[in-house]
Amino acid sequence: MPASVHSQDQDQSMMDTAPQELEQQQESEQEEFELEEKRIVVLPGATETAASFQFEGEGHTLGNALRYAIMKNPEVEFCGYTIPHPSEAKMNLRIQTYDSTTAVEALEKGLEALMDLCDVVTDKFTSARDAFNAAQADKMTS
């Protein structure tokens, strides 16, 4: 819209809505963060070295991978997961540790190890894809 068509009042009203939109966006992001916080719940009966965690919206994919990553920790005595019911998107993870660490620390280490593993897989996949695409481009030009 040309500058001569709109008035100074319109410019001012647009400037007034910008901070409101920014504030609404920040509130929305905070709500999303709070929702993410509630995806893992510590189930009743937990102690320092033994706890059950419930993951909302997760299944066998995360359950088995996380169980594997946690069991690689020598301070963990037991780790297993269950899906309480197939119609519910919930996964329960039980961790029992030796006295040298807590169940929460074991979960945090397992999540970090799994994220690192995913990063390695992503890097290897990306490099293999790039090599394949380069080879295909060479075939097309030859």
Protein backbone atom coordinates (compact mmCIF):
# COMPACT_ATOMS: atom_id res chain seq x y z
CA MET A 1 0.00 0.00 0.00
CA PRO A 2 1.49 3.40 -0.93
CA ALA A 3 2.48 5.63 1.95
CA SER A 4 0.02 8.35 0.95
CA VAL A 5 -2.99 6.01 1.16
CA HIS A 6 -2.82 5.11 4.87
CA SER A 7 -2.76 7.54 7.71
CA GLN A 8 -0.54 8.03 10.74
CA ASP A 9 -3.34 6.52 12.88
CA GLN A 10 -3.11 3.25 10.96
CA ASP A 11 0.64 3.14 11.52
CA GLN A 12 0.14 3.71 15.25
CA SER A 13 -2.52 0.99 15.49
CA MET A 14 -0.19 -1.50 13.78
CA MET A 15 2.57 -0.65 16.23
CA ASP A 16 0.18 -1.16 19.14
CA THR A 17 -0.75 -4.68 18.00
CA ALA A 18 2.85 -5.82 17.46
CA PRO A 19 3.74 -6.05 21.17
CA GLN A 20 0.43 -7.82 21.86
CA GLU A 21 1.12 -10.37 19.13
CA LEU A 22 4.63 -10.90 20.48
CA GLU A 23 3.26 -11.36 24.00
CA GLN A 24 0.65 -13.86 22.75
CA GLN A 25 3.36 -15.77 20.88
CA GLN A 26 5.54 -15.91 24.01
CA GLU A 27 2.58 -17.15 26.08
CA SER A 28 1.85 -19.80 23.47
CA GLU A 29 5.49 -20.95 23.51
CA GLN A 30 5.43 -21.06 27.31
CA GLU A 31 2.24 -23.15 27.25
CA GLU A 32 3.86 -25.56 24.79
CA PHE A 33 6.91 -25.79 27.08
CA GLU A 34 4.64 -26.49 30.06
CA LEU A 35 2.88 -29.21 28.08
CA GLU A 36 6.23 -30.76 27.25
CA GLU A 37 7.11 -30.71 30.95
CA LYS A 38 4.05 -32.83 31.76
CA ARG A 39 4.85 -35.59 29.27
CA ILE A 40 6.87 -37.49 31.89
CA VAL A 41 5.28 -38.25 35.25
CA VAL A 42 6.90 -40.04 38.18
CA LEU A 43 4.44 -42.68 39.32
CA PRO A 44 3.63 -43.12 43.04
CA GLY A 45 5.86 -45.35 45.15
CA ALA A 46 9.15 -44.00 43.86
CA THR A 47 12.32 -44.01 45.94
CA GLU A 48 15.75 -42.53 45.18
CA THR A 49 17.03 -45.71 43.54
CA ALA A 50 13.80 -47.16 42.13
CA ALA A 51 11.12 -45.30 40.22
CA SER A 52 8.51 -45.77 37.53
CA PHE A 53 7.97 -43.04 34.97
CA GLN A 54 4.98 -42.64 32.69
CA PHE A 55 5.56 -41.09 29.26
CA GLU A 56 2.51 -39.57 27.56
CA GLY A 57 2.20 -40.04 23.81
CA GLU A 58 5.00 -42.60 23.53
CA GLY A 59 5.14 -46.28 22.69
CA HIS A 60 7.48 -49.13 21.85
CA THR A 61 9.77 -47.00 19.67
CA LEU A 62 10.99 -44.81 22.51
CA GLY A 63 10.45 -47.48 25.18
CA ASN A 64 12.81 -50.08 23.76
CA ALA A 65 15.45 -47.58 22.61
CA LEU A 66 15.46 -45.83 25.99
CA ARG A 67 15.56 -49.14 27.87
CA TYR A 68 18.61 -50.15 25.82
CA ALA A 69 20.38 -46.82 26.43
CA ILE A 70 19.68 -46.89 30.18
CA MET A 71 20.80 -50.52 30.59
CA LYS A 72 24.21 -49.66 29.10
CA ASN A 73 24.83 -47.65 32.30
CA PRO A 74 26.69 -49.96 34.76
CA GLU A 75 25.05 -48.16 37.71
CA VAL A 76 21.61 -49.42 36.60
CA GLU A 77 20.43 -52.71 38.07
CA PHE A 78 17.17 -53.02 36.10
CA CYS A 79 15.28 -51.14 33.41
CA GLY A 80 12.13 -52.26 31.65
CA TYR A 81 9.13 -50.73 29.97
CA THR A 82 5.50 -51.66 29.41
CA ILE A 83 2.61 -50.32 27.40
CA PRO A 84 -0.28 -50.48 29.92
CA HIS A 85 -2.97 -50.77 27.23
CA PRO A 86 -2.74 -50.67 23.44
CA SER A 87 -5.53 -48.09 23.15
CA GLU A 88 -3.70 -45.60 25.38
CA ALA A 89 -0.68 -43.66 24.13
CA LYS A 90 1.28 -44.20 27.34
CA MET A 91 4.50 -45.99 28.14
CA ASN A 92 5.69 -46.89 31.64
CA LEU A 93 9.42 -47.18 32.31
CA ARG A 94 10.78 -48.78 35.49
CA ILE A 95 14.35 -48.03 36.58
CA GLN A 96 16.19 -49.56 39.55
CA THR A 97 19.73 -48.43 40.29
CA TYR A 98 22.51 -49.30 42.69
CA ASP A 99 23.12 -46.89 45.58
CA SER A 100 25.73 -44.95 43.58
CA THR A 101 23.11 -43.08 41.51
CA THR A 102 19.42 -42.22 41.44
CA ALA A 103 16.71 -43.39 39.07
CA VAL A 104 16.18 -39.83 37.83
CA GLU A 105 19.90 -39.43 37.05
CA ALA A 106 19.85 -42.75 35.19
CA LEU A 107 16.87 -41.56 33.14
CA GLU A 108 18.61 -38.27 32.31
CA LYS A 109 21.80 -40.08 31.26
CA GLY A 110 19.78 -42.50 29.15
CA LEU A 111 17.92 -39.70 27.40
CA GLU A 112 21.20 -37.87 26.70
CA ALA A 113 22.82 -41.07 25.37
CA LEU A 114 19.82 -41.71 23.12
CA MET A 115 19.93 -38.14 21.77
CA ASP A 116 23.66 -38.54 21.05
CA LEU A 117 22.97 -41.82 19.25
CA CYS A 118 20.26 -40.15 17.15
CA ASP A 119 22.71 -37.37 16.24
CA VAL A 120 25.25 -39.95 15.03
CA VAL A 121 22.61 -41.76 12.95
CA THR A 122 21.45 -38.46 11.44
CA ASP A 123 25.02 -37.46 10.56
CA LYS A 124 25.79 -40.84 8.96
CA PHE A 125 22.53 -40.82 7.02
CA THR A 126 23.10 -37.27 5.78
CA SER A 127 26.64 -38.01 4.63
CA ALA A 128 25.54 -41.22 2.87
CA ARG A 129 22.66 -39.38 1.17
CA ASP A 130 24.98 -36.59 0.04
CA ALA A 131 27.48 -39.13 -1.34
CA PHE A 132 24.67 -40.92 -3.19
CA ASN A 133 23.33 -37.67 -4.65
CA ALA A 134 26.84 -36.68 -5.76
CA ALA A 135 27.32 -40.08 -7.43
CA GLN A 136 23.96 -39.73 -9.20
CA ALA A 137 24.89 -36.23 -10.39
CA ASP A 138 28.19 -37.58 -11.76
CA LYS A 139 26.31 -40.30 -13.68
CA MET A 140 23.97 -37.72 -15.19
CA THR A 141 26.83 -35.51 -16.40
CA SER A 142 28.87 -38.43 -17.81
